[in-house]
């Protein structure tokens, strides 16, 4: 009887810890998206977007973004939480600069509409990842292989310039990033339940940053894939 009571108490404690950790992750993710959106909007409004896309600066920004993601992923255990936070904020700013160019191709109303569609899909899959009893780790491995596949296909299509391949990549991208959202949320939930909170404040902050980065990337990439279908072309 006491054993069952202790087990229930431990289970509730783990759920509470996981909820706190998830809140930290989603707060960081929301802040990152907010920063990106504000930077993208003001960059487009000031006319800087045209200058960025018409110069080598665009590729410099893209390379810098990739470098930040790889650095964070590879060095998260060795850098300070403050450094990780600064890199995440810096990445959000850089991504806002590069994403400002979408305002040159799509109408603002279609960008806003696609954002809300993305938020709805992301939210639904996040809830699924939280409540499902199914282990999504196998699905995550499959989706990651699919992600590598569409990245390779995208590079190849730069030379092929095939509209059919473009739309297939876009459709597959929607499914892949939708699935990755549920997988990443479940993984982050499990991190909380398995005791990351017991590793100290530093580990909590760094874990929250990495979780936020994963969900941020899922959201942004899902948004960009959906924009190909729902974005109203200015031309």
Protein backbone atom coordinates (compact mmCIF):
# COMPACT_ATOMS: atom_id res chain seq x y z
CA UNK A 1 0.00 0.00 0.00
CA UNK A 2 2.76 2.43 0.98
CA UNK A 3 4.78 1.34 -2.04
CA UNK A 4 1.91 2.27 -4.37
CA UNK A 5 1.50 5.61 -2.60
CA UNK A 6 5.21 6.39 -2.95
CA UNK A 7 5.10 5.44 -6.62
CA UNK A 8 2.15 7.76 -7.25
CA UNK A 9 3.89 10.60 -5.43
CA UNK A 10 7.06 10.07 -7.47
CA UNK A 11 5.03 9.97 -10.70
CA UNK A 12 3.26 13.24 -9.82
CA UNK A 13 6.58 14.85 -8.91
CA UNK A 14 8.06 13.83 -12.27
CA UNK A 15 5.04 15.25 -14.11
CA UNK A 16 5.35 18.56 -12.25
CA UNK A 17 9.07 18.74 -13.00
CA UNK A 18 8.43 17.95 -16.67
CA UNK A 19 5.74 20.67 -16.83
CA UNK A 20 8.14 23.28 -15.38
CA UNK A 21 10.87 22.29 -17.82
CA UNK A 22 8.47 22.34 -20.79
CA UNK A 23 7.32 25.83 -19.80
CA UNK A 24 10.92 27.04 -19.86
CA UNK A 25 11.45 25.47 -23.30
CA UNK A 26 8.30 26.97 -24.82
CA UNK A 27 9.04 30.38 -23.30
CA UNK A 28 12.47 30.42 -24.95
CA UNK A 29 11.00 29.19 -28.23
CA UNK A 30 8.28 31.88 -28.17
CA UNK A 31 10.88 34.56 -27.44
CA UNK A 32 13.04 33.33 -30.34
CA UNK A 33 10.10 33.40 -32.74
CA UNK A 34 9.10 36.84 -31.50
CA UNK A 35 12.60 38.22 -32.07
CA UNK A 36 12.76 36.67 -35.53
CA UNK A 37 9.36 38.04 -36.51
CA UNK A 38 10.11 41.58 -35.32
CA UNK A 39 13.54 41.68 -37.00
CA UNK A 40 12.14 40.26 -40.26
CA UNK A 41 9.26 42.76 -40.32
CA UNK A 42 11.37 45.84 -39.65
CA UNK A 43 14.15 44.71 -42.00
CA UNK A 44 11.59 44.35 -44.80
CA UNK A 45 9.92 47.68 -43.94
CA UNK A 46 13.17 49.64 -44.02
CA UNK A 47 14.14 48.27 -47.43
CA UNK A 48 17.14 46.38 -46.06
CA UNK A 49 15.73 43.08 -47.35
CA UNK A 50 16.41 44.10 -50.95
CA UNK A 51 20.00 44.99 -50.07
CA UNK A 52 20.52 41.69 -48.25
CA UNK A 53 19.22 39.45 -51.04
CA UNK A 54 21.14 41.40 -53.70
CA UNK A 55 24.52 41.07 -51.98
CA UNK A 56 26.87 38.33 -50.71
CA UNK A 57 25.67 39.27 -47.21
CA UNK A 58 22.75 36.86 -47.58
CA UNK A 59 25.02 33.82 -47.93
CA UNK A 60 27.24 35.10 -45.12
CA UNK A 61 24.20 35.27 -42.84
CA UNK A 62 23.05 31.77 -43.85
CA UNK A 63 26.51 30.31 -43.18
CA UNK A 64 26.67 32.14 -39.85
CA UNK A 65 23.29 30.67 -38.87
CA UNK A 66 24.38 27.14 -39.72
CA UNK A 67 27.61 27.65 -37.82
CA UNK A 68 25.72 28.78 -34.72
CA UNK A 69 23.41 25.75 -34.78
CA UNK A 70 26.30 23.31 -35.21
CA UNK A 71 28.35 25.06 -32.52
CA UNK A 72 25.47 25.01 -30.03
CA UNK A 73 24.72 21.34 -30.70
CA UNK A 74 28.35 20.25 -30.46
CA UNK A 75 29.47 22.44 -27.53
CA UNK A 76 26.37 22.72 -25.33
CA UNK A 77 27.95 20.58 -22.58
CA UNK A 78 31.05 22.77 -22.41
CA UNK A 79 29.76 26.32 -22.79
CA UNK A 80 28.05 28.41 -20.12
CA UNK A 81 24.26 28.76 -20.04
CA UNK A 82 24.64 32.51 -20.63
CA UNK A 83 26.66 31.85 -23.77
CA UNK A 84 24.05 29.37 -25.01
CA UNK A 85 21.30 31.94 -24.38
CA UNK A 86 23.23 34.63 -26.24
CA UNK A 87 23.84 32.32 -29.20
CA UNK A 88 20.15 31.41 -29.36
CA UNK A 89 19.12 35.08 -29.33
CA UNK A 90 21.80 35.88 -31.90
CA UNK A 91 20.56 33.06 -34.12
CA UNK A 92 17.00 34.38 -33.85
CA UNK A 93 18.18 37.83 -34.96
CA UNK A 94 20.18 36.47 -37.91
CA UNK A 95 17.26 34.31 -38.97
CA UNK A 96 15.02 37.38 -38.87
CA UNK A 97 17.39 39.15 -41.26
CA UNK A 98 17.40 36.26 -43.75
CA UNK A 99 13.66 35.59 -43.46
CA UNK A 100 12.90 39.23 -44.22
CA UNK A 101 13.35 38.37 -47.90
CA UNK A 102 10.06 36.43 -47.92
CA UNK A 103 8.32 39.81 -47.82
CA UNK A 104 9.77 40.45 -51.28
CA UNK A 105 8.01 37.40 -52.76
CA UNK A 106 4.79 36.97 -50.76
CA UNK A 107 2.00 39.29 -49.68
CA UNK A 108 1.88 40.23 -46.01
CA UNK A 109 -1.64 38.86 -45.61
CA UNK A 110 -0.61 35.44 -46.94
CA UNK A 111 2.47 35.41 -44.68
CA UNK A 112 0.27 36.19 -41.67
CA UNK A 113 -2.30 33.57 -42.71
CA UNK A 114 0.36 30.93 -43.19
CA UNK A 115 1.82 31.78 -39.78
CA UNK A 116 -1.53 31.06 -38.10
CA UNK A 117 -1.94 27.81 -40.06
CA UNK A 118 1.56 26.80 -38.96
CA UNK A 119 0.77 27.71 -35.34
CA UNK A 120 -2.37 25.55 -35.45
CA UNK A 121 -0.58 22.53 -36.92
CA UNK A 122 2.39 22.96 -34.60
CA UNK A 123 0.12 23.26 -31.57
CA UNK A 124 -1.85 20.16 -32.49
CA UNK A 125 1.28 18.05 -32.95
CA UNK A 126 2.84 19.45 -29.77
CA UNK A 127 -0.23 18.34 -27.81
CA UNK A 128 -0.05 14.92 -29.49
CA UNK A 129 3.59 14.60 -28.50
CA UNK A 130 2.68 15.45 -24.90
CA UNK A 131 -0.27 13.09 -24.45
CA UNK A 132 0.50 10.08 -26.65
CA UNK A 133 1.64 6.89 -24.91
CA UNK A 134 3.33 5.73 -28.11
CA UNK A 135 7.13 5.84 -28.18
CA UNK A 136 8.03 8.17 -31.06
CA UNK A 137 11.79 7.54 -30.98
CA UNK A 138 11.62 5.16 -33.96
CA UNK A 139 9.55 7.71 -35.89
CA UNK A 140 12.15 10.36 -35.09
CA UNK A 141 14.94 8.31 -36.67
CA UNK A 142 12.82 7.75 -39.79
CA UNK A 143 11.93 11.45 -40.04
CA UNK A 144 15.56 12.48 -39.61
CA UNK A 145 16.52 10.27 -42.56
CA UNK A 146 13.71 11.90 -44.54
CA UNK A 147 15.07 15.32 -43.59
CA UNK A 148 18.51 14.40 -44.91
CA UNK A 149 16.81 13.18 -48.09
CA UNK A 150 14.96 16.41 -48.78
CA UNK A 151 18.09 18.45 -48.05
CA UNK A 152 20.02 16.46 -50.66
CA UNK A 153 17.10 16.67 -53.11
CA UNK A 154 16.90 20.46 -52.57
CA UNK A 155 20.58 20.87 -53.42
CA UNK A 156 20.21 18.67 -56.53
CA UNK A 157 17.14 20.63 -57.61
CA UNK A 158 19.13 23.86 -57.61
CA UNK A 159 20.68 22.50 -60.81
CA UNK A 160 17.65 20.57 -62.14
CA UNK A 161 15.22 23.45 -61.56
CA UNK A 162 12.31 20.98 -61.66
CA UNK A 163 8.96 22.36 -60.45
CA UNK A 164 7.70 18.81 -59.82
CA UNK A 165 10.65 18.01 -57.54
CA UNK A 166 10.14 21.37 -55.81
CA UNK A 167 6.52 20.56 -54.91
CA UNK A 168 7.33 16.99 -53.84
CA UNK A 169 10.07 18.32 -51.54
CA UNK A 170 7.64 20.90 -50.12
CA UNK A 171 4.94 18.30 -49.44
CA UNK A 172 7.39 15.88 -47.84
CA UNK A 173 8.81 18.76 -45.81
CA UNK A 174 5.38 19.52 -44.34
CA UNK A 175 4.96 15.90 -43.21
CA UNK A 176 8.52 15.64 -41.89
CA UNK A 177 8.47 18.82 -39.80
CA UNK A 178 4.96 18.10 -38.55
CA UNK A 179 6.13 14.70 -37.34
CA UNK A 180 9.36 16.10 -35.90
CA UNK A 181 7.32 18.52 -33.80
CA UNK A 182 5.56 15.66 -32.00
CA UNK A 183 8.83 13.72 -31.67
CA UNK A 184 10.79 16.67 -30.26
CA UNK A 185 8.05 17.61 -27.78
CA UNK A 186 7.90 14.03 -26.47
CA UNK A 187 11.70 13.94 -26.20
CA UNK A 188 11.74 17.21 -24.25
CA UNK A 189 8.94 15.96 -21.99
CA UNK A 190 10.95 12.80 -21.29
CA UNK A 191 14.03 14.90 -20.47
CA UNK A 192 12.02 16.65 -17.77
CA UNK A 193 10.59 13.42 -16.37
CA UNK A 194 13.97 11.70 -16.33
CA UNK A 195 15.50 14.21 -13.98
CA UNK A 196 17.16 17.06 -15.87
CA UNK A 197 15.88 19.39 -13.13
CA UNK A 198 18.04 17.51 -10.62
CA UNK A 199 21.22 18.38 -12.56
CA UNK A 200 21.30 21.98 -11.40
CA UNK A 201 20.22 25.37 -12.71
CA UNK A 202 22.97 25.50 -15.34
CA UNK A 203 21.90 22.18 -16.90
CA UNK A 204 18.25 23.25 -16.81
CA UNK A 205 18.96 26.47 -18.70
CA UNK A 206 21.11 24.75 -21.32
CA UNK A 207 18.57 21.94 -21.74
CA UNK A 208 15.79 24.49 -22.19
CA UNK A 209 17.81 26.36 -24.83
CA UNK A 210 18.49 23.20 -26.84
CA UNK A 211 14.85 22.12 -26.58
CA UNK A 212 13.71 25.58 -27.66
CA UNK A 213 16.12 25.54 -30.61
CA UNK A 214 14.75 22.18 -31.81
CA UNK A 215 11.13 23.37 -31.64
CA UNK A 216 12.02 26.76 -33.12
CA UNK A 217 13.59 25.04 -36.14
CA UNK A 218 10.56 22.74 -36.50
CA UNK A 219 8.22 25.74 -36.50
CA UNK A 220 10.25 27.90 -38.89
CA UNK A 221 10.80 25.09 -41.39
CA UNK A 222 7.15 24.02 -41.27
CA UNK A 223 6.16 27.65 -41.85
CA UNK A 224 8.47 27.96 -44.87
CA UNK A 225 7.19 24.70 -46.40
CA UNK A 226 3.55 25.74 -45.92
CA UNK A 227 4.30 29.19 -47.33
CA UNK A 228 5.10 27.53 -50.64
CA UNK A 229 1.50 26.29 -50.78
CA UNK A 230 -0.42 29.12 -49.11
CA UNK A 231 1.77 32.15 -49.79
CA UNK A 232 0.25 34.64 -52.20
CA UNK A 233 2.89 35.64 -54.73
CA UNK A 234 3.30 39.40 -55.13
CA UNK A 235 3.80 38.93 -58.85
